[in-house]
Amino acid sequence: VLPSPDGPAPSVSITEIRQYLRAQDIPFHDGYSCLHTPSLFIGDRGDQPLSAKAPFTLFIDKTTGSFLCTATLAEGTWQDFQANVEMRLRGISPIPPASSEEMEEEMRQAREDARCIWERALPLWELLDEKETKETKALFGISQVTNATLKRFGVRYLRTARSLVFPWFSPQDATLKGLKLVRVEKNGGTITYVEETLPRFDSYRNLFGLPLIGRRDTELVLTGWELDALALHQAGVASLALPRGTSCLPPTLLPYLEQFKRITLWLGEDLRSWEAAKLFARKLSLKRCSLVRPGNLQPRPLEALNQGLNVTKILRSALLASHKSIVSFRQLREEVFGELVNTEQVSGVKWARFPELNKLLKGHRRGELTIFTGPTGSGKTTFISEYALDLCMQGVCTLWGSFEINNVRLAKIMLTQFAGRRLEDQLELYDEWADRFEELPLYFMTFHGQQNIKTVIDTMQHAVYMYDITHVVVDNLQFMMGHENLSVDR
């Protein structure tokens, strides 16, 4: 839920951050998406100035001011950083901001669950017989991935759940911090991959393959799927997989990507992956990013490996993310071709349950504004929550601003629609459906009634950066603006 109940965090500009660091004699380097400084949380304590010779392991996000120390995993807001600098000046050892005891306990429990699953899972190359190994690899489409690659990444197989198990090891001490389980579901001719993570998605910070990256590596391919990272590694390319695929690039991962001078985003084979790549490139700094355009001759990395395509050749044809202010058709040529090849996808994410709406609106398209009007009580909120839920279930990151009804009531409506049943009559099913609902990329703003428009826009921009929101619902404009503002040009 955004923002926190005590109001949105005060925004800070990059100029203010730089001025503060200079005023406090804190040495820093300017990185791609972060400023790098020596960490407050390691080395000498007390009121000594931070040494420029110390390793620069603390990263400050240029957009939000939040920090992360990759050596101690201490993280917090810009205000937390300033408080720790003040403490240090007074000779007190800085203390990383603590999360609530409840969250600590939840994380500890998740790690324990992950450890139990990990111990029960078998290394994929050590299954009882060759036949089972072959069938399992064929099921997941990884027949071409060698045992040596699987071993290097530590991929295991959990027989009882028929799932591949991808570990998340701490970059510090190689302890197991979490897992992702992936299983295959067949429905007629279509195959879908179902993922489950421990701990839950929002606190799952894994960049799969990170322990295998060397300190001196300067080029990287970023993928949206663990199996793609395996395929690229096998082709001799340094690669990492994002924990939430193409739906989100959490800013807490940016510090780990600062060492790379060149990042190629090869996220998948559809236009949504292409849109996500363009969005992520802005976060990572356009000048160092290239994008692999989806198309028949450039499928996702695993598919490229299976088809025997030349991965290096595909990577060489990646387009630079930073178009200059003026471009010629020659630079746009490949993108135009991509739109012609994928005409069906260009029209946006289709609603699964509203075929008539697809005819009218051609699907959910970024950058479009749709206004639903109707008299009070005609069902606008009920319909729009169903309409937004449909997209959310397809992975469209959604932010709700409900100014008319409170979030608890709205969440109850949406959970009922999601479950497709009256949960008040079947309370024993509540936890099961609530767990599934919690996995959706859905966020709520905590505003209610009339609001200052600037505060609302700031919160939306913050959400777009933090959670890669691509769909915002405002319900409704009249409440947000307040009734006395109706004469103002809005």
Protein backbone atom coordinates (compact mmCIF):
# COMPACT_ATOMS: atom_id res chain seq x y z
CA VAL A 1 0.00 0.00 0.00
CA LEU A 2 1.35 3.42 -1.00
CA PRO A 3 2.26 5.80 0.54
CA SER A 4 3.00 4.97 4.20
CA PRO A 5 0.19 6.05 6.61
CA ASP A 6 2.23 9.00 7.92
CA GLY A 7 2.25 10.62 4.47
CA PRO A 8 4.52 10.14 1.45
CA ALA A 9 8.29 10.24 2.06
CA PRO A 10 9.64 13.72 1.29
CA SER A 11 11.20 13.66 -2.16
CA VAL A 12 14.86 14.56 -2.58
CA SER A 13 16.70 15.71 -5.71
CA ILE A 14 20.07 14.41 -6.91
CA THR A 15 21.50 17.93 -6.48
CA GLU A 16 20.50 17.96 -2.78
CA ILE A 17 22.07 14.51 -2.28
CA ARG A 18 25.37 15.61 -3.85
CA GLN A 19 25.41 18.88 -1.83
CA TYR A 20 24.79 16.98 1.42
CA LEU A 21 27.59 14.45 0.72
CA ARG A 22 30.05 17.25 -0.07
CA ALA A 23 29.05 19.21 3.05
CA GLN A 24 29.64 16.12 5.21
CA ASP A 25 33.01 15.31 3.54
CA ILE A 26 31.72 11.97 2.29
CA PRO A 27 33.63 10.87 -0.85
CA PHE A 28 31.44 9.57 -3.70
CA HIS A 29 31.54 8.41 -7.33
CA ASP A 30 28.78 9.13 -9.81
CA GLY A 31 27.42 5.81 -11.12
CA TYR A 32 24.77 4.95 -13.71
CA SER A 33 21.69 4.89 -11.48
CA CYS A 34 23.32 5.29 -8.03
CA LEU A 35 25.96 7.33 -6.24
CA HIS A 36 28.66 5.10 -4.67
CA THR A 37 30.17 5.94 -1.25
CA PRO A 38 32.16 4.09 1.45
CA SER A 39 29.74 2.35 3.84
CA LEU A 40 28.83 3.87 7.21
CA PHE A 41 28.20 0.38 8.55
CA ILE A 42 31.66 -1.18 8.19
CA GLY A 43 35.21 -0.32 9.24
CA ASP A 44 36.22 2.33 11.77
CA ARG A 45 33.50 3.73 13.99
CA GLY A 46 33.28 7.15 15.59
CA ASP A 47 33.66 10.65 14.26
CA GLN A 48 36.50 9.95 11.77
CA PRO A 49 35.69 11.10 8.22
CA LEU A 50 34.99 8.26 5.77
CA SER A 51 38.14 7.35 3.85
CA ALA A 52 38.19 7.48 0.05
CA LYS A 53 40.46 4.37 0.22
CA ALA A 54 37.67 2.29 1.80
CA PRO A 55 35.65 0.11 -0.60
CA PHE A 56 32.63 2.00 -1.99
CA THR A 57 29.95 -0.53 -1.01
CA LEU A 58 27.09 1.85 -0.17
CA PHE A 59 24.83 2.85 -3.07
CA ILE A 60 22.40 5.79 -3.01
CA ASP A 61 19.58 5.67 -5.58
CA LYS A 62 19.67 8.87 -7.67
CA THR A 63 15.89 8.94 -8.08
CA THR A 64 14.63 8.21 -4.55
CA GLY A 65 17.65 8.74 -2.27
CA SER A 66 17.19 5.26 -0.75
CA PHE A 67 20.43 3.45 0.09
CA LEU A 68 21.71 -0.13 0.17
CA CYS A 69 25.04 -1.34 1.54
CA THR A 70 25.95 -4.45 -0.45
CA ALA A 71 28.47 -5.55 2.21
CA THR A 72 26.08 -5.59 5.21
CA LEU A 73 22.70 -5.51 3.37
CA ALA A 74 21.72 -2.46 5.47
CA GLU A 75 19.12 -0.45 3.59
CA GLY A 76 16.80 2.48 4.23
CA THR A 77 15.45 5.84 3.07
CA TRP A 78 17.42 9.06 2.48
CA GLN A 79 16.21 10.25 5.89
CA ASP A 80 17.64 7.08 7.49
CA PHE A 81 20.96 7.76 5.76
CA GLN A 82 21.12 11.33 7.11
CA ALA A 83 20.23 10.11 10.64
CA ASN A 84 23.10 7.59 10.49
CA VAL A 85 25.57 10.25 9.32
CA GLU A 86 24.52 12.45 12.29
CA MET A 87 24.99 9.50 14.69
CA ARG A 88 28.46 8.85 13.28
CA LEU A 89 29.45 12.51 13.77
CA ARG A 90 28.43 12.19 17.42
CA GLY A 91 30.68 9.14 17.80
CA ILE A 92 27.81 6.63 17.98
CA SER A 93 27.94 3.47 15.84
CA PRO A 94 25.35 3.75 13.04
CA ILE A 95 22.52 1.22 13.27
CA PRO A 96 20.87 -0.02 10.08
CA PRO A 97 17.10 0.71 10.12
CA ALA A 98 15.33 -2.37 11.44
CA SER A 99 12.21 -3.86 9.91
CA SER A 100 9.35 -4.80 12.23
CA GLU A 101 9.70 -7.93 14.40
CA GLU A 102 6.72 -9.41 12.60
CA MET A 103 8.47 -9.07 9.23
CA GLU A 104 11.75 -10.43 10.63
CA GLU A 105 9.88 -13.47 11.93
CA GLU A 106 8.11 -13.95 8.58
CA MET A 107 11.45 -13.80 6.71
CA ARG A 108 13.06 -16.22 9.16
CA GLN A 109 10.15 -18.65 8.70
CA ALA A 110 10.36 -18.32 4.88
CA ARG A 111 14.09 -19.10 4.98
CA GLU A 112 13.44 -22.14 7.16
CA ASP A 113 10.75 -23.39 4.74
CA ALA A 114 13.12 -22.79 1.81
CA ARG A 115 15.87 -24.79 3.55
CA CYS A 116 13.51 -27.76 4.12
CA ILE A 117 12.44 -27.78 0.45
CA TRP A 118 16.06 -27.41 -0.70
CA GLU A 119 17.13 -30.43 1.35
CA ARG A 120 14.30 -32.55 -0.06
CA ALA A 121 15.05 -31.55 -3.68
CA LEU A 122 17.51 -33.63 -5.72
CA PRO A 123 20.19 -32.30 -8.04
CA LEU A 124 18.65 -32.68 -11.51
CA TRP A 125 21.59 -34.69 -12.84
CA GLU A 126 21.32 -37.22 -9.97
CA LEU A 127 17.74 -38.48 -10.46
CA LEU A 128 17.27 -42.24 -10.09
CA ASP A 129 17.49 -43.14 -13.75
CA GLU A 130 18.52 -41.56 -17.03
CA LYS A 131 14.93 -41.84 -18.36
CA GLU A 132 13.47 -39.67 -15.58
CA THR A 133 16.18 -37.05 -16.06
CA LYS A 134 15.53 -36.96 -19.83
CA GLU A 135 11.74 -36.71 -19.39
CA THR A 136 12.07 -33.93 -16.81
CA LYS A 137 14.45 -31.94 -19.00
CA ALA A 138 12.17 -32.40 -22.03
CA LEU A 139 9.13 -31.24 -20.00
CA PHE A 140 10.86 -27.94 -19.18
CA GLY A 141 12.38 -27.58 -22.66
CA ILE A 142 15.96 -27.80 -21.36
CA SER A 143 17.17 -30.94 -23.13
CA GLN A 144 20.02 -28.90 -24.66
CA VAL A 145 21.15 -27.53 -21.26
CA THR A 146 24.10 -29.60 -20.03
CA ASN A 147 24.42 -31.12 -16.57
CA ALA A 148 27.54 -29.03 -16.02
CA THR A 149 25.47 -25.83 -16.47
CA LEU A 150 22.73 -27.08 -14.13
CA LYS A 151 25.35 -28.04 -11.57
CA ARG A 152 27.05 -24.65 -11.79
CA PHE A 153 23.78 -22.86 -11.01
CA GLY A 154 22.74 -25.47 -8.43
CA VAL A 155 19.37 -26.22 -10.07
CA ARG A 156 17.46 -29.03 -8.32
CA TYR A 157 14.22 -30.96 -8.87
CA LEU A 158 11.47 -31.48 -6.29
CA ARG A 159 9.76 -34.76 -7.20
CA THR A 160 6.66 -34.33 -5.02
CA ALA A 161 5.77 -30.98 -6.65
CA ARG A 162 7.24 -31.85 -10.09
CA SER A 163 9.03 -28.50 -9.94
CA LEU A 164 12.46 -27.18 -10.80
CA VAL A 165 14.07 -25.46 -7.80
CA PHE A 166 16.24 -22.37 -8.36
CA PRO A 167 18.25 -21.30 -5.29
CA TRP A 168 18.88 -17.73 -4.10
CA PHE A 169 22.23 -17.56 -2.32
CA SER A 170 23.43 -14.52 -0.37
CA PRO A 171 26.19 -12.71 -2.33
CA GLN A 172 28.07 -12.27 1.00
CA ASP A 173 28.40 -15.70 2.56
CA ALA A 174 26.68 -18.04 0.05
CA THR A 175 23.96 -19.01 2.57
CA LEU A 176 20.56 -20.04 1.16
CA LYS A 177 18.17 -17.08 1.43
CA GLY A 178 15.27 -18.27 -0.69
CA LEU A 179 14.00 -20.33 -3.62
CA LYS A 180 11.90 -20.15 -6.72
CA LEU A 181 9.86 -23.23 -7.71
CA VAL A 182 8.74 -23.58 -11.33
CA ARG A 183 6.31 -26.23 -12.56
CA VAL A 184 4.68 -26.89 -15.94
CA GLU A 185 0.90 -26.95 -16.45
CA LYS A 186 -0.49 -28.31 -19.72
CA ASN A 187 -3.89 -27.14 -20.89
CA GLY A 188 -4.71 -28.69 -24.25
CA GLY A 189 -1.87 -27.68 -26.55
CA THR A 190 -0.69 -24.71 -24.47
CA ILE A 191 2.01 -24.91 -21.83
CA THR A 192 2.14 -22.45 -18.92
CA TYR A 193 4.84 -22.14 -16.30
CA VAL A 194 3.66 -21.60 -12.72
CA GLU A 195 6.12 -19.95 -10.34
CA GLU A 196 6.20 -19.78 -6.55
CA THR A 197 8.81 -17.98 -4.46
CA LEU A 198 10.01 -18.19 -0.87
CA PRO A 199 10.05 -15.60 0.64
CA ARG A 200 7.12 -13.90 -1.11
CA PHE A 201 7.63 -11.81 -4.24
CA ASP A 202 7.86 -8.38 -2.59
CA SER A 203 10.83 -9.36 -0.40
CA TYR A 204 12.41 -11.72 -2.95
CA ARG A 205 15.54 -9.84 -4.08
CA ASN A 206 17.33 -12.53 -6.02
CA LEU A 207 19.27 -11.87 -9.21
CA PHE A 208 19.66 -15.49 -10.32
CA GLY A 209 23.28 -16.19 -11.26
CA LEU A 210 24.79 -13.34 -9.22
CA PRO A 211 27.36 -15.51 -7.33
CA LEU A 212 28.82 -16.58 -10.71
CA ILE A 213 29.54 -13.01 -11.87
CA GLY A 214 33.19 -11.98 -11.54
CA ARG A 215 34.29 -8.62 -10.11
CA ARG A 216 35.91 -7.73 -13.42
CA ASP A 217 32.92 -8.54 -15.67
CA THR A 218 31.82 -5.37 -17.46
CA GLU A 219 29.25 -6.74 -19.93
CA LEU A 220 26.02 -8.48 -19.01
CA VAL A 221 22.85 -9.84 -20.56
CA LEU A 222 19.76 -9.37 -18.38
CA THR A 223 16.97 -11.90 -18.93
CA GLY A 224 13.47 -12.29 -17.53
CA TRP A 225 13.65 -16.01 -16.78
CA GLU A 226 16.03 -18.39 -14.98
CA LEU A 227 16.06 -20.94 -17.84
CA ASP A 228 17.15 -18.18 -20.26
CA ALA A 229 20.07 -17.33 -17.96
CA LEU A 230 21.17 -21.01 -18.09
CA ALA A 231 21.03 -20.98 -21.91
CA LEU A 232 23.09 -17.78 -22.16
CA HIS A 233 25.68 -19.00 -19.66
CA GLN A 234 26.09 -22.14 -21.73
CA ALA A 235 26.72 -19.94 -24.78
CA GLY A 236 29.58 -18.31 -22.83
CA VAL A 237 27.75 -15.07 -21.98
CA ALA A 238 27.59 -13.51 -18.48
CA SER A 239 23.89 -13.30 -17.64
CA LEU A 240 21.45 -12.74 -14.77
CA ALA A 241 17.71 -13.36 -14.48
CA LEU A 242 15.34 -10.82 -12.91
CA PRO A 243 13.28 -12.26 -10.02
CA ARG A 244 9.93 -10.92 -11.28
CA GLY A 245 10.52 -11.42 -14.98
CA THR A 246 9.26 -8.65 -17.20
CA SER A 247 6.78 -7.26 -14.67
CA CYS A 248 9.18 -5.30 -12.46
CA LEU A 249 12.82 -4.29 -11.86
CA PRO A 250 12.96 -3.50 -8.11
CA PRO A 251 15.27 -0.50 -7.44
CA THR A 252 17.01 -2.47 -4.64
CA LEU A 253 18.67 -4.56 -7.38
CA LEU A 254 20.26 -1.57 -9.15
CA PRO A 255 23.42 -1.48 -6.93
CA TYR A 256 24.33 -5.01 -8.07
CA LEU A 257 24.17 -3.89 -11.72
CA GLU A 258 26.37 -0.80 -11.32
CA GLN A 259 29.65 -2.57 -12.23
CA PHE A 260 28.55 -3.20 -15.84
CA LYS A 261 29.52 -0.77 -18.59
CA ARG A 262 27.18 -2.47 -21.06
CA ILE A 263 23.88 -4.23 -20.33
CA THR A 264 21.85 -6.00 -23.02
CA LEU A 265 18.19 -6.60 -22.15
CA TRP A 266 16.90 -9.82 -23.72
CA LEU A 267 13.71 -10.36 -21.79
CA GLY A 268 11.52 -12.52 -24.00
CA GLU A 269 9.91 -12.92 -27.37
CA ASP A 270 6.73 -10.84 -27.21
CA LEU A 271 6.05 -7.11 -27.40
CA ARG A 272 5.35 -6.84 -23.67
CA SER A 273 8.94 -7.95 -23.03
CA TRP A 274 10.08 -5.29 -25.49
CA GLU A 275 8.06 -2.57 -23.68
CA ALA A 276 9.43 -3.76 -20.32
CA ALA A 277 13.00 -3.66 -21.70
CA LYS A 278 12.55 -0.01 -22.74
CA LEU A 279 11.16 0.82 -19.28
CA PHE A 280 14.00 -0.96 -17.43
CA ALA A 281 16.65 0.65 -19.66
CA ARG A 282 15.51 4.08 -18.40
CA LYS A 283 16.15 2.92 -14.82
CA LEU A 284 19.53 1.43 -15.67
CA SER A 285 20.67 4.50 -17.71
CA LEU A 286 19.95 4.47 -21.44
CA LYS A 287 23.52 5.16 -22.52
CA ARG A 288 24.78 1.72 -21.43
CA CYS A 289 21.78 -0.39 -22.50
CA SER A 290 20.99 -2.30 -25.68
CA LEU A 291 17.79 -4.21 -26.41
CA VAL A 292 17.22 -7.45 -28.32
CA ARG A 293 14.10 -6.92 -30.41
CA PRO A 294 11.65 -9.86 -30.30
CA GLY A 295 10.88 -11.55 -33.61
CA ASN A 296 10.84 -14.93 -35.34
CA LEU A 297 14.60 -14.92 -35.89
CA GLN A 298 15.27 -13.65 -32.37
CA PRO A 299 13.29 -15.80 -29.93
CA ARG A 300 14.05 -15.92 -26.19
CA PRO A 301 17.53 -17.26 -25.26
CA LEU A 302 16.39 -20.80 -24.32
CA GLU A 303 14.50 -21.12 -27.61
CA ALA A 304 17.56 -19.80 -29.48
CA LEU A 305 19.71 -22.50 -27.84
CA ASN A 306 17.14 -25.21 -28.69
CA GLN A 307 16.97 -24.05 -32.33
CA GLY A 308 20.78 -23.95 -32.61
CA LEU A 309 20.82 -20.21 -33.44
CA ASN A 310 23.97 -18.12 -33.05
CA VAL A 311 23.49 -16.30 -29.73
CA THR A 312 26.52 -14.01 -30.24
CA LYS A 313 25.12 -12.89 -33.61
CA ILE A 314 21.73 -12.05 -32.04
CA LEU A 315 23.43 -10.06 -29.26
CA ARG A 316 25.50 -8.15 -31.82
CA SER A 317 22.30 -7.03 -33.57
CA ALA A 318 20.85 -5.55 -30.33
CA LEU A 319 19.58 -1.97 -30.72
CA LEU A 320 20.97 0.87 -28.61
CA ALA A 321 18.38 2.04 -26.09
CA SER A 322 19.26 5.72 -26.38
CA HIS A 323 17.74 7.20 -29.53
CA LYS A 324 18.92 10.75 -30.05
CA SER A 325 16.34 13.56 -30.15
CA ILE A 326 16.18 13.32 -33.96
CA VAL A 327 16.29 9.95 -35.73
CA SER A 328 16.20 8.77 -39.30
CA PHE A 329 13.91 6.00 -40.55
CA ARG A 330 16.99 3.78 -40.77
CA GLN A 331 17.23 3.78 -36.94
CA LEU A 332 13.50 3.06 -36.59
CA ARG A 333 13.40 0.45 -39.34
CA GLU A 334 13.82 -2.59 -37.06
CA GLU A 335 11.17 -1.36 -34.60
CA VAL A 336 8.66 -0.73 -37.41
CA PHE A 337 9.29 -4.26 -38.70
CA GLY A 338 8.70 -5.59 -35.16
CA GLU A 339 5.32 -3.84 -35.03
CA LEU A 340 4.31 -5.30 -38.41
CA VAL A 341 5.36 -8.83 -37.39
CA ASN A 342 3.46 -8.61 -34.11
CA THR A 343 0.33 -6.72 -35.21
CA GLU A 344 -1.85 -8.69 -32.79
CA GLN A 345 0.34 -7.74 -29.81
CA VAL A 346 0.75 -4.07 -30.80
CA SER A 347 -2.88 -3.49 -29.90
CA GLY A 348 -2.10 -4.06 -26.21
CA VAL A 349 -2.91 -6.61 -23.50
CA LYS A 350 -6.31 -8.14 -24.30
CA TRP A 351 -8.96 -8.64 -21.61
CA ALA A 352 -9.54 -12.34 -21.05
CA ARG A 353 -13.16 -11.88 -19.90
CA PHE A 354 -14.37 -8.93 -22.00
CA PRO A 355 -14.18 -9.78 -25.72
CA GLU A 356 -16.57 -6.92 -26.60
CA LEU A 357 -14.27 -4.46 -24.81
CA ASN A 358 -11.33 -5.71 -26.88
CA LYS A 359 -13.29 -4.76 -30.04
CA LEU A 360 -13.80 -1.22 -28.71
CA LEU A 361 -10.45 -0.48 -27.04
CA LYS A 362 -8.12 -3.03 -28.75
CA GLY A 363 -6.75 -4.03 -25.30
CA HIS A 364 -4.91 -2.10 -22.59
CA ARG A 365 -2.40 0.21 -24.27
CA ARG A 366 0.17 2.29 -22.43
CA GLY A 367 -0.17 6.05 -22.62
CA GLU A 368 -3.94 5.94 -23.20
CA LEU A 369 -6.58 7.52 -20.94
CA THR A 370 -9.99 5.85 -20.72
CA ILE A 371 -12.86 7.57 -18.87
CA PHE A 372 -15.86 5.57 -17.67
CA THR A 373 -18.93 7.68 -16.84
CA GLY A 374 -22.32 6.79 -15.44
CA PRO A 375 -24.80 7.82 -12.71
CA THR A 376 -24.18 7.00 -9.03
CA GLY A 377 -24.80 3.33 -8.25
CA SER A 378 -24.67 2.21 -11.89
CA GLY A 379 -21.73 -0.13 -11.15
CA LYS A 380 -18.69 1.87 -12.32
CA THR A 381 -16.45 0.77 -9.41
CA THR A 382 -17.64 -2.86 -9.59
CA PHE A 383 -16.97 -3.02 -13.32
CA ILE A 384 -13.63 -1.18 -13.22
CA SER A 385 -12.30 -3.40 -10.41
CA GLU A 386 -13.22 -6.45 -12.54
CA TYR A 387 -11.66 -4.81 -15.63
CA ALA A 388 -8.43 -3.97 -13.76
CA LEU A 389 -8.28 -7.40 -12.10
CA ASP A 390 -8.48 -9.08 -15.52
CA LEU A 391 -5.32 -7.22 -16.63
CA CYS A 392 -3.59 -7.64 -13.27
CA MET A 393 -3.99 -11.42 -13.48
CA GLN A 394 -2.10 -11.22 -16.80
CA GLY A 395 0.83 -9.49 -15.10
CA VAL A 396 -0.05 -5.82 -15.80
CA CYS A 397 1.29 -3.89 -12.75
CA THR A 398 -1.67 -1.89 -11.45
CA LEU A 399 -2.02 1.03 -9.03
CA TRP A 400 -5.42 1.88 -7.56
CA GLY A 401 -6.35 5.31 -6.23
CA SER A 402 -9.74 4.87 -4.66
CA PHE A 403 -10.91 8.26 -3.34
CA GLU A 404 -14.55 7.26 -2.95
CA ILE A 405 -14.56 3.90 -1.16
CA ASN A 406 -11.85 2.77 1.26
CA ASN A 407 -9.18 0.22 0.37
CA VAL A 408 -10.53 -2.52 2.65
CA ARG A 409 -13.92 -2.47 0.88
CA LEU A 410 -12.27 -2.27 -2.55
CA ALA A 411 -9.92 -5.17 -1.75
CA LYS A 412 -12.91 -7.21 -0.52
CA ILE A 413 -14.77 -6.59 -3.81
CA MET A 414 -11.69 -7.52 -5.85
CA LEU A 415 -10.89 -10.62 -3.79
CA THR A 416 -14.49 -11.83 -4.22
CA GLN A 417 -14.27 -11.23 -7.98
CA PHE A 418 -10.87 -12.98 -8.10
CA ALA A 419 -12.16 -16.05 -6.21
CA GLY A 420 -15.45 -16.06 -8.15
CA ARG A 421 -17.37 -17.08 -5.02
CA ARG A 422 -18.96 -15.65 -1.85
CA LEU A 423 -16.11 -16.04 0.62
CA GLU A 424 -18.30 -14.96 3.58
CA ASP A 425 -20.08 -18.32 3.17
CA GLN A 426 -16.78 -20.27 2.90
CA LEU A 427 -14.39 -18.64 5.37
CA GLU A 428 -12.21 -21.75 5.49
CA LEU A 429 -11.11 -20.92 1.91
CA TYR A 430 -10.15 -17.32 2.77
CA ASP A 431 -6.43 -17.90 3.42
CA GLU A 432 -5.94 -19.93 0.26
CA TRP A 433 -7.52 -17.23 -1.97
CA ALA A 434 -5.89 -14.36 -0.03
CA ASP A 435 -2.44 -15.98 -0.61
CA ARG A 436 -3.09 -16.21 -4.34
CA PHE A 437 -4.47 -12.65 -4.46
CA GLU A 438 -1.36 -11.36 -2.66
CA GLU A 439 0.82 -12.59 -5.55
CA LEU A 440 -0.84 -10.18 -8.01
CA PRO A 441 1.16 -7.05 -8.99
CA LEU A 442 -1.51 -4.82 -7.39
CA TYR A 443 -0.92 -1.71 -5.24
CA PHE A 444 -3.27 0.75 -3.53
CA MET A 445 -2.77 4.43 -2.69
CA THR A 446 -3.89 5.30 0.85
CA PHE A 447 -5.65 8.56 -0.06
CA HIS A 448 -9.34 9.08 0.64
CA GLY A 449 -11.66 11.97 -0.22
CA GLN A 450 -10.36 15.28 -1.59
CA GLN A 451 -6.60 15.44 -2.13
CA ASN A 452 -3.93 17.87 -3.26
CA ILE A 453 -3.34 16.92 -6.90
CA LYS A 454 0.45 17.39 -6.64
CA THR A 455 0.69 14.87 -3.76
CA VAL A 456 -1.29 12.34 -5.80
CA ILE A 457 0.87 12.80 -8.92
CA ASP A 458 4.08 12.54 -6.83
CA THR A 459 2.84 9.27 -5.31
CA MET A 460 1.98 7.91 -8.77
CA GLN A 461 5.45 8.81 -10.12
CA HIS A 462 7.09 7.17 -7.10
CA ALA A 463 5.02 4.01 -7.68
CA VAL A 464 5.94 3.91 -11.37
CA TYR A 465 9.66 4.02 -10.49
CA MET A 466 9.49 1.55 -7.58
CA TYR A 467 7.05 -1.02 -8.98
CA ASP A 468 7.05 -0.38 -12.77
CA ILE A 469 3.33 0.42 -12.73
CA THR A 470 1.81 0.45 -16.22
CA HIS A 471 -1.88 0.88 -15.35
CA VAL A 472 -3.30 3.47 -12.95
CA VAL A 473 -6.97 3.55 -11.90
CA VAL A 474 -8.42 6.74 -10.35
CA ASP A 475 -11.88 6.28 -8.81
CA ASN A 476 -13.17 8.87 -9.09
CA LEU A 477 -11.99 12.20 -10.46
CA GLN A 478 -14.75 14.20 -8.77
CA PHE A 479 -13.73 13.02 -5.28
CA MET A 480 -10.04 13.57 -5.98
CA MET A 481 -10.62 17.15 -7.17
CA GLY A 482 -13.11 18.09 -4.43
CA HIS A 483 -16.46 19.64 -5.30
CA GLU A 484 -15.45 23.27 -4.81
CA ASN A 485 -12.77 23.02 -7.49
CA LEU A 486 -15.24 22.37 -10.28
CA SER A 487 -14.87 25.88 -11.73
CA VAL A 488 -11.07 25.60 -11.95
CA ASP A 489 -9.51 24.62 -15.28
CA ARG A 490 -8.26 21.11 -14.51
